[in-house]
């Protein structure tokens, strides 16, 4: 989530902002048209109470879902529900406070329910007000997503549209990933705390997202645009997202009714077609990223499960998942994420049960 200092007490005013100073790095020019008033999703928005005496905070209104009777904006708990602190009915604005000089923007939805933090997803919904945004589910720069979701696989080409970096393209780097993510109770204020997640999706490159992109819907980077995951955290080198199937399951349980995407019912396609990457293939080392074979991924996962607890308990380790070796996109590897700001420099065996171990140094994973 992006935070801005209120203009009344700001010490610095950036040339491209009417009011406020950005205190989190990573603001990208690519999201400029995602920060104003819009009828689309994948744009700036958030809870109007998400502010403190010195700062206001906002994220991304990711997409549209329905329970068959009403439509709801899908985003993160920490964007719509203020990290478990919101009451039902709180106003959700578009754009967010940060893009309106910390003043009250147009209200487009009412916070409805969130899956509580600590239940392995960071997700919430807010009931869309009539006529406030488009009812077709169109996402800025992407269009309508498919109503059919797909499970993430290593090497899958994906795209997203978010408040800060706009539309970006990337690839699923690891799946079944355990991560430790840092939060803060208030808007750039209050106690910091860490939540542990399992079975998460990690996406690269680092330019895929930045602070303020939280809540973006990640979809397949082809004409089908199948929902894959919900963006909620990351670092300068990686993006962390909840698998979309678990998001819908947890939110449907919290809501009391089944939720599904508003979009194109004809936009689904077999996973084999999705992996053909009809648009821009994600490049790594100058070549096309290929899918990690299912059997290889299963072998790596089996090995990881035997060591996951020990790996995550190692000082300095903030993540562990299934990916591919740096040399071969189709060769499985256990990927261990180490906090490069930590004083700890753990050592690992080159392989576990015949599966290569690859260490990735990154800064801490933080809720965006």
Protein backbone atom coordinates (compact mmCIF):
# COMPACT_ATOMS: atom_id res chain seq x y z
CA UNK A 1 0.00 0.00 0.00
CA UNK A 2 1.23 3.50 -0.81
CA UNK A 3 1.30 6.12 1.93
CA UNK A 4 1.40 9.88 1.52
CA UNK A 5 2.14 12.57 4.04
CA UNK A 6 -0.76 15.00 4.40
CA UNK A 7 -0.08 18.24 2.53
CA UNK A 8 -0.78 20.38 5.55
CA UNK A 9 2.39 19.14 7.24
CA UNK A 10 4.39 17.96 4.25
CA UNK A 11 8.08 18.82 4.17
CA UNK A 12 8.50 17.80 0.54
CA UNK A 13 6.23 18.17 -2.46
CA UNK A 14 7.14 16.11 -5.50
CA UNK A 15 6.71 17.79 -8.87
CA UNK A 16 4.25 15.21 -10.15
CA UNK A 17 2.00 15.35 -7.07
CA UNK A 18 -0.49 18.08 -6.25
CA UNK A 19 -0.19 17.35 -2.56
CA UNK A 20 1.87 15.08 -0.36
CA UNK A 21 5.22 13.35 -0.33
CA UNK A 22 5.72 9.73 -1.23
CA UNK A 23 7.48 7.82 1.51
CA UNK A 24 7.56 4.38 -0.04
CA UNK A 25 9.87 3.69 -3.01
CA UNK A 26 8.87 2.27 -6.33
CA UNK A 27 6.37 4.75 -7.77
CA UNK A 28 6.34 4.07 -11.51
CA UNK A 29 5.25 6.33 -14.35
CA UNK A 30 3.34 3.42 -15.89
CA UNK A 31 0.48 3.81 -13.44
CA UNK A 32 -0.25 7.50 -14.02
CA UNK A 33 -3.60 6.88 -15.70
CA UNK A 34 -4.54 4.44 -12.92
CA UNK A 35 -4.41 7.13 -10.24
CA UNK A 36 -7.29 9.40 -11.26
CA UNK A 37 -11.06 8.94 -11.39
CA UNK A 38 -11.95 5.87 -13.43
CA UNK A 39 -14.85 3.63 -14.34
CA UNK A 40 -12.48 0.66 -14.57
CA UNK A 41 -10.91 -1.69 -12.03
CA UNK A 42 -7.17 -2.08 -11.53
CA UNK A 43 -7.05 1.52 -10.30
CA UNK A 44 -6.46 3.58 -7.17
CA UNK A 45 -8.87 3.16 -4.27
CA UNK A 46 -9.24 2.29 -0.62
CA UNK A 47 -10.98 2.82 2.70
CA UNK A 48 -11.50 6.53 3.48
CA UNK A 49 -10.65 5.87 7.13
CA UNK A 50 -7.22 4.51 6.24
CA UNK A 51 -5.28 7.53 7.46
CA UNK A 52 -3.41 8.87 10.46
CA UNK A 53 -2.55 12.37 11.66
CA UNK A 54 0.33 12.58 9.20
CA UNK A 55 -0.44 10.12 6.39
CA UNK A 56 -3.17 8.71 4.16
CA UNK A 57 -3.02 5.26 2.56
CA UNK A 58 -4.58 3.53 -0.44
CA UNK A 59 -4.13 0.53 -2.72
CA UNK A 60 -5.85 -0.93 -5.80
CA UNK A 61 -9.49 -1.82 -6.46
CA UNK A 62 -8.65 -5.02 -8.30
CA UNK A 63 -11.72 -6.52 -9.95
CA UNK A 64 -15.43 -7.25 -9.67
CA UNK A 65 -17.09 -10.36 -8.19
CA UNK A 66 -20.70 -11.33 -7.59
CA UNK A 67 -22.75 -13.57 -5.33
CA UNK A 68 -25.50 -13.76 -7.94
CA UNK A 69 -27.48 -10.91 -6.42
CA UNK A 70 -24.99 -8.10 -5.77
CA UNK A 71 -21.64 -7.02 -7.17
CA UNK A 72 -18.55 -6.45 -5.03
CA UNK A 73 -15.13 -4.91 -5.54
CA UNK A 74 -12.36 -7.40 -4.75
CA UNK A 75 -9.17 -6.19 -3.11
CA UNK A 76 -7.07 -6.89 -0.01
CA UNK A 77 -8.04 -6.94 3.65
CA UNK A 78 -5.36 -4.34 4.37
CA UNK A 79 -6.72 -2.09 1.58
CA UNK A 80 -10.49 -2.31 2.20
CA UNK A 81 -10.67 -3.48 5.81
CA UNK A 82 -7.71 -1.57 7.26
CA UNK A 83 -6.04 -4.82 8.41
CA UNK A 84 -9.06 -6.27 10.26
CA UNK A 85 -10.09 -2.92 11.77
CA UNK A 86 -12.98 -1.84 9.51
CA UNK A 87 -16.65 -2.11 10.34
CA UNK A 88 -19.19 -3.20 7.73
CA UNK A 89 -20.44 -0.23 5.73
CA UNK A 90 -17.27 1.88 5.85
CA UNK A 91 -16.85 4.00 2.71
CA UNK A 92 -14.57 2.86 -0.11
CA UNK A 93 -13.38 5.57 -2.49
CA UNK A 94 -12.04 5.79 -6.03
CA UNK A 95 -9.47 7.14 -6.43
CA UNK A 96 -7.84 6.53 -3.08
CA UNK A 97 -7.02 9.27 -0.61
CA UNK A 98 -3.40 9.38 -1.78
CA UNK A 99 -4.49 10.50 -5.24
CA UNK A 100 -6.84 13.19 -3.97
CA UNK A 101 -4.47 15.16 -1.75
CA UNK A 102 -5.64 13.17 1.30
CA UNK A 103 -9.09 14.74 0.83
CA UNK A 104 -12.31 12.75 0.54
CA UNK A 105 -12.73 11.35 -3.02
CA UNK A 106 -15.89 9.91 -4.58
CA UNK A 107 -17.41 7.00 -2.66
CA UNK A 108 -17.98 3.97 -4.90
CA UNK A 109 -18.58 1.05 -2.51
CA UNK A 110 -19.27 0.00 1.05
CA UNK A 111 -16.95 -2.39 2.87
CA UNK A 112 -18.73 -5.71 3.27
CA UNK A 113 -16.52 -8.47 4.65
CA UNK A 114 -12.92 -9.68 4.79
CA UNK A 115 -11.19 -12.97 5.37
CA UNK A 116 -9.41 -12.34 8.67
CA UNK A 117 -5.66 -11.87 8.45
CA UNK A 118 -3.94 -15.06 9.50
CA UNK A 119 -6.31 -17.29 7.52
CA UNK A 120 -3.77 -17.57 4.68
CA UNK A 121 -5.28 -14.92 2.39
CA UNK A 122 -5.31 -11.12 2.44
CA UNK A 123 -8.65 -10.47 0.79
CA UNK A 124 -11.84 -8.46 1.19
CA UNK A 125 -14.89 -7.28 -0.73
CA UNK A 126 -16.94 -4.08 -0.78
CA UNK A 127 -20.42 -3.85 -2.28
CA UNK A 128 -20.40 -1.67 -5.39
CA UNK A 129 -22.74 1.31 -5.32
CA UNK A 130 -25.12 1.51 -8.26
CA UNK A 131 -23.60 3.35 -11.21
CA UNK A 132 -20.33 4.09 -9.41
CA UNK A 133 -18.05 1.95 -11.64
CA UNK A 134 -18.59 -0.35 -14.61
CA UNK A 135 -20.77 -3.40 -14.01
CA UNK A 136 -18.99 -5.55 -16.64
CA UNK A 137 -15.82 -6.16 -14.64
CA UNK A 138 -13.53 -4.42 -17.14
CA UNK A 139 -10.00 -3.86 -15.81
CA UNK A 140 -8.04 -0.88 -17.13
CA UNK A 141 -5.59 -1.89 -19.92
CA UNK A 142 -6.66 -5.55 -19.62
CA UNK A 143 -10.39 -5.69 -20.29
CA UNK A 144 -12.79 -8.30 -18.96
CA UNK A 145 -11.21 -11.21 -17.13
CA UNK A 146 -12.50 -14.71 -17.66
CA UNK A 147 -15.00 -16.06 -15.16
CA UNK A 148 -12.91 -19.27 -15.10
CA UNK A 149 -9.93 -19.34 -12.73
CA UNK A 150 -6.75 -21.37 -13.20
CA UNK A 151 -4.15 -22.67 -10.75
CA UNK A 152 -0.69 -21.10 -10.89
CA UNK A 153 2.16 -23.11 -12.42
CA UNK A 154 5.87 -22.30 -12.55
CA UNK A 155 6.60 -20.43 -15.79
CA UNK A 156 3.03 -19.27 -16.40
CA UNK A 157 3.00 -15.86 -18.13
CA UNK A 158 0.83 -13.39 -16.20
CA UNK A 159 -0.19 -9.75 -16.21
CA UNK A 160 -1.88 -7.31 -13.84
CA UNK A 161 -3.21 -3.76 -13.73
CA UNK A 162 -2.49 -1.76 -10.58
CA UNK A 163 -2.60 1.72 -9.11
CA UNK A 164 1.15 2.38 -9.07
CA UNK A 165 2.81 0.54 -11.94
CA UNK A 166 -0.19 0.18 -14.27
CA UNK A 167 -0.21 -2.89 -16.49
CA UNK A 168 2.90 -5.04 -16.14
CA UNK A 169 3.93 -8.47 -17.39
CA UNK A 170 5.74 -11.24 -15.55
CA UNK A 171 5.98 -14.93 -14.84
CA UNK A 172 5.19 -17.23 -11.95
CA UNK A 173 8.55 -17.90 -10.32
CA UNK A 174 7.55 -20.19 -7.44
CA UNK A 175 4.39 -21.91 -6.21
CA UNK A 176 3.45 -23.59 -2.92
CA UNK A 177 5.57 -20.92 -1.27
CA UNK A 178 5.73 -20.23 2.46
CA UNK A 179 6.41 -16.55 3.16
CA UNK A 180 6.69 -14.20 6.13
CA UNK A 181 5.08 -10.83 5.38
CA UNK A 182 5.41 -7.63 7.40
CA UNK A 183 2.35 -5.45 8.17
CA UNK A 184 1.61 -2.31 10.15
CA UNK A 185 -1.66 -1.76 12.02
CA UNK A 186 -2.14 1.90 11.15
CA UNK A 187 -1.44 4.02 8.09
CA UNK A 188 2.35 4.26 8.41
CA UNK A 189 1.85 4.19 12.16
CA UNK A 190 1.32 1.65 14.89
CA UNK A 191 3.00 -1.62 15.70
CA UNK A 192 4.57 -3.68 12.93
CA UNK A 193 3.82 -7.39 12.88
CA UNK A 194 4.54 -10.41 10.70
CA UNK A 195 2.04 -12.92 9.29
CA UNK A 196 3.07 -16.30 7.93
CA UNK A 197 1.47 -17.66 4.76
CA UNK A 198 1.68 -21.00 2.97
CA UNK A 199 0.88 -22.06 -0.62
CA UNK A 200 1.57 -18.58 -2.02
CA UNK A 201 2.52 -17.49 -5.55
CA UNK A 202 5.74 -15.55 -6.22
CA UNK A 203 6.04 -13.55 -9.44
CA UNK A 204 9.03 -11.88 -11.06
CA UNK A 205 10.56 -9.58 -12.26
CA UNK A 206 10.73 -7.00 -9.46
CA UNK A 207 9.17 -4.38 -11.73
CA UNK A 208 5.91 -6.39 -11.80
CA UNK A 209 4.56 -4.39 -8.84
CA UNK A 210 5.28 -1.73 -6.24
CA UNK A 211 3.67 -0.20 -3.18
CA UNK A 212 0.06 0.73 -3.97
CA UNK A 213 -0.53 -2.22 -6.32
CA UNK A 214 -1.99 -4.32 -3.50
CA UNK A 215 -5.38 -5.67 -4.47
CA UNK A 216 -4.56 -6.10 -8.17
CA UNK A 217 -5.98 -9.17 -9.89
CA UNK A 218 -3.28 -11.23 -11.61
CA UNK A 219 -4.48 -12.98 -14.78
CA UNK A 220 -2.99 -15.12 -17.53
CA UNK A 221 -1.11 -13.03 -20.08
CA UNK A 222 -3.12 -14.14 -23.10
CA UNK A 223 -6.51 -13.49 -24.64
CA UNK A 224 -8.29 -15.63 -22.04
CA UNK A 225 -7.23 -13.51 -19.03
CA UNK A 226 -8.02 -16.24 -16.53
CA UNK A 227 -7.74 -15.09 -12.89
CA UNK A 228 -4.67 -16.67 -11.23
CA UNK A 229 -3.92 -14.80 -8.00
CA UNK A 230 -4.54 -11.70 -5.86
CA UNK A 231 -1.53 -9.43 -5.32
CA UNK A 232 -0.93 -8.37 -1.72
CA UNK A 233 2.78 -8.05 -0.89
CA UNK A 234 6.31 -8.12 -2.22
CA UNK A 235 9.82 -6.74 -2.23
CA UNK A 236 11.99 -4.90 -4.75
CA UNK A 237 12.65 -8.22 -6.50
CA UNK A 238 9.45 -10.25 -6.09
CA UNK A 239 5.66 -9.99 -5.91
CA UNK A 240 3.63 -12.17 -3.50
CA UNK A 241 0.05 -13.20 -4.28
CA UNK A 242 -2.70 -15.44 -2.90
CA UNK A 243 -3.89 -18.23 -5.26
CA UNK A 244 -7.26 -17.02 -6.50
CA UNK A 245 -9.05 -20.30 -5.77
CA UNK A 246 -8.29 -19.99 -2.06
CA UNK A 247 -9.25 -16.30 -2.11
CA UNK A 248 -12.72 -17.10 -3.45
CA UNK A 249 -13.15 -20.03 -1.04
CA UNK A 250 -12.19 -18.02 2.06
CA UNK A 251 -14.17 -14.94 1.07
CA UNK A 252 -17.25 -16.99 0.14
CA UNK A 253 -17.16 -18.60 3.58
CA UNK A 254 -16.82 -15.22 5.31
CA UNK A 255 -19.58 -13.73 3.14
CA UNK A 256 -21.94 -16.66 3.51
CA UNK A 257 -22.54 -16.93 -0.24
CA UNK A 258 -20.47 -18.25 -3.12
CA UNK A 259 -18.55 -15.58 -5.02
CA UNK A 260 -17.46 -15.69 -8.66
CA UNK A 261 -15.89 -13.25 -11.09
CA UNK A 262 -17.86 -10.84 -13.22
CA UNK A 263 -16.33 -11.07 -16.67
CA UNK A 264 -16.28 -13.02 -19.89
CA UNK A 265 -17.77 -16.53 -19.62
CA UNK A 266 -16.22 -17.33 -22.99
CA UNK A 267 -12.76 -16.24 -21.92
CA UNK A 268 -11.64 -19.60 -20.57
CA UNK A 269 -9.22 -21.94 -22.32
CA UNK A 270 -7.33 -25.14 -21.52
CA UNK A 271 -4.12 -24.64 -19.54
CA UNK A 272 -2.10 -25.92 -22.50
CA UNK A 273 -3.36 -23.00 -24.56
CA UNK A 274 -2.72 -20.53 -21.77
CA UNK A 275 0.91 -21.60 -21.57
CA UNK A 276 1.44 -20.86 -25.25
CA UNK A 277 1.62 -17.18 -24.22
CA UNK A 278 -0.35 -15.56 -27.02
CA UNK A 279 0.91 -12.08 -26.14
CA UNK A 280 4.34 -11.31 -24.69
CA UNK A 281 6.32 -14.33 -23.45
CA UNK A 282 8.21 -13.61 -20.26
CA UNK A 283 11.94 -13.58 -20.98
CA UNK A 284 14.67 -14.75 -18.68
CA UNK A 285 18.25 -14.71 -19.88
CA UNK A 286 17.03 -13.81 -23.36
CA UNK A 287 14.87 -16.91 -23.81
CA UNK A 288 11.23 -17.79 -23.37
CA UNK A 289 10.17 -18.96 -19.93
CA UNK A 290 8.68 -22.45 -20.17
CA UNK A 291 6.37 -24.32 -17.85
CA UNK A 292 7.93 -26.55 -15.22
CA UNK A 293 6.62 -30.06 -15.97
CA UNK A 294 3.95 -31.26 -13.55
CA UNK A 295 5.93 -34.33 -12.47
CA UNK A 296 9.02 -32.24 -11.81
CA UNK A 297 7.02 -29.78 -9.72
CA UNK A 298 5.46 -32.62 -7.74
CA UNK A 299 8.89 -34.11 -7.02
CA UNK A 300 10.19 -30.77 -5.78
CA UNK A 301 7.10 -30.24 -3.64
CA UNK A 302 7.45 -33.65 -2.01
CA UNK A 303 11.05 -32.87 -1.08
CA UNK A 304 10.16 -29.38 0.13
CA UNK A 305 7.42 -30.65 2.43
CA UNK A 306 9.98 -32.78 4.30
CA UNK A 307 12.15 -29.73 4.99
CA UNK A 308 9.76 -26.78 4.86
CA UNK A 309 9.41 -26.33 8.63
CA UNK A 310 13.17 -26.46 9.20
CA UNK A 311 13.86 -24.07 6.34
CA UNK A 312 11.33 -21.50 7.55
CA UNK A 313 12.69 -21.76 11.11
CA UNK A 314 16.20 -20.89 9.91
CA UNK A 315 17.20 -17.34 10.94
CA UNK A 316 17.18 -15.04 7.92
CA UNK A 317 14.82 -17.21 5.82
CA UNK A 318 11.59 -15.45 4.82
CA UNK A 319 10.31 -17.83 2.16
CA UNK A 320 10.55 -21.29 0.60
CA UNK A 321 8.77 -22.64 -2.45
CA UNK A 322 8.92 -24.73 -5.62
CA UNK A 323 10.49 -23.23 -8.73
CA UNK A 324 13.08 -23.97 -11.39
CA UNK A 325 16.84 -23.87 -11.46
CA UNK A 326 18.51 -20.75 -12.81
CA UNK A 327 20.06 -22.75 -15.66
CA UNK A 328 17.05 -24.77 -16.82
CA UNK A 329 13.41 -23.66 -16.79
CA UNK A 330 12.22 -27.27 -16.80
CA UNK A 331 14.50 -28.53 -14.01
CA UNK A 332 12.81 -28.30 -10.58
CA UNK A 333 14.35 -26.55 -7.61
CA UNK A 334 13.53 -25.66 -4.03
CA UNK A 335 13.79 -21.88 -3.87
CA UNK A 336 14.80 -20.40 -0.51
CA UNK A 337 14.31 -16.66 0.01
CA UNK A 338 16.77 -15.04 2.43
CA UNK A 339 16.41 -11.55 3.88
CA UNK A 340 19.47 -9.71 2.61
CA UNK A 341 19.04 -7.04 5.32
CA UNK A 342 19.41 -9.69 8.03
CA UNK A 343 22.69 -10.33 9.81
CA UNK A 344 22.17 -14.04 9.20
CA UNK A 345 23.71 -15.79 6.19
CA UNK A 346 22.45 -19.37 6.39
CA UNK A 347 24.12 -22.16 4.45
CA UNK A 348 22.14 -24.86 2.64
CA UNK A 349 22.92 -28.16 1.01
CA UNK A 350 23.12 -27.90 -2.80
CA UNK A 351 20.22 -30.33 -3.08
CA UNK A 352 17.56 -32.00 -0.94
CA UNK A 353 16.41 -35.51 -1.88
CA UNK A 354 17.90 -34.99 -5.33
CA UNK A 355 16.17 -31.65 -5.91
CA UNK A 356 18.41 -28.62 -6.43
CA UNK A 357 18.32 -25.83 -3.85
CA UNK A 358 18.52 -22.25 -5.11
CA UNK A 359 18.94 -19.32 -2.73
CA UNK A 360 17.45 -15.92 -3.60
CA UNK A 361 18.50 -12.88 -1.55
CA UNK A 362 15.81 -10.24 -1.28
CA UNK A 363 14.70 -7.44 1.00
CA UNK A 364 11.84 -8.22 3.44
CA UNK A 365 8.41 -9.07 2.06
CA UNK A 366 6.04 -6.22 2.96
CA UNK A 367 2.29 -5.82 2.45
CA UNK A 368 2.00 -3.40 -0.48
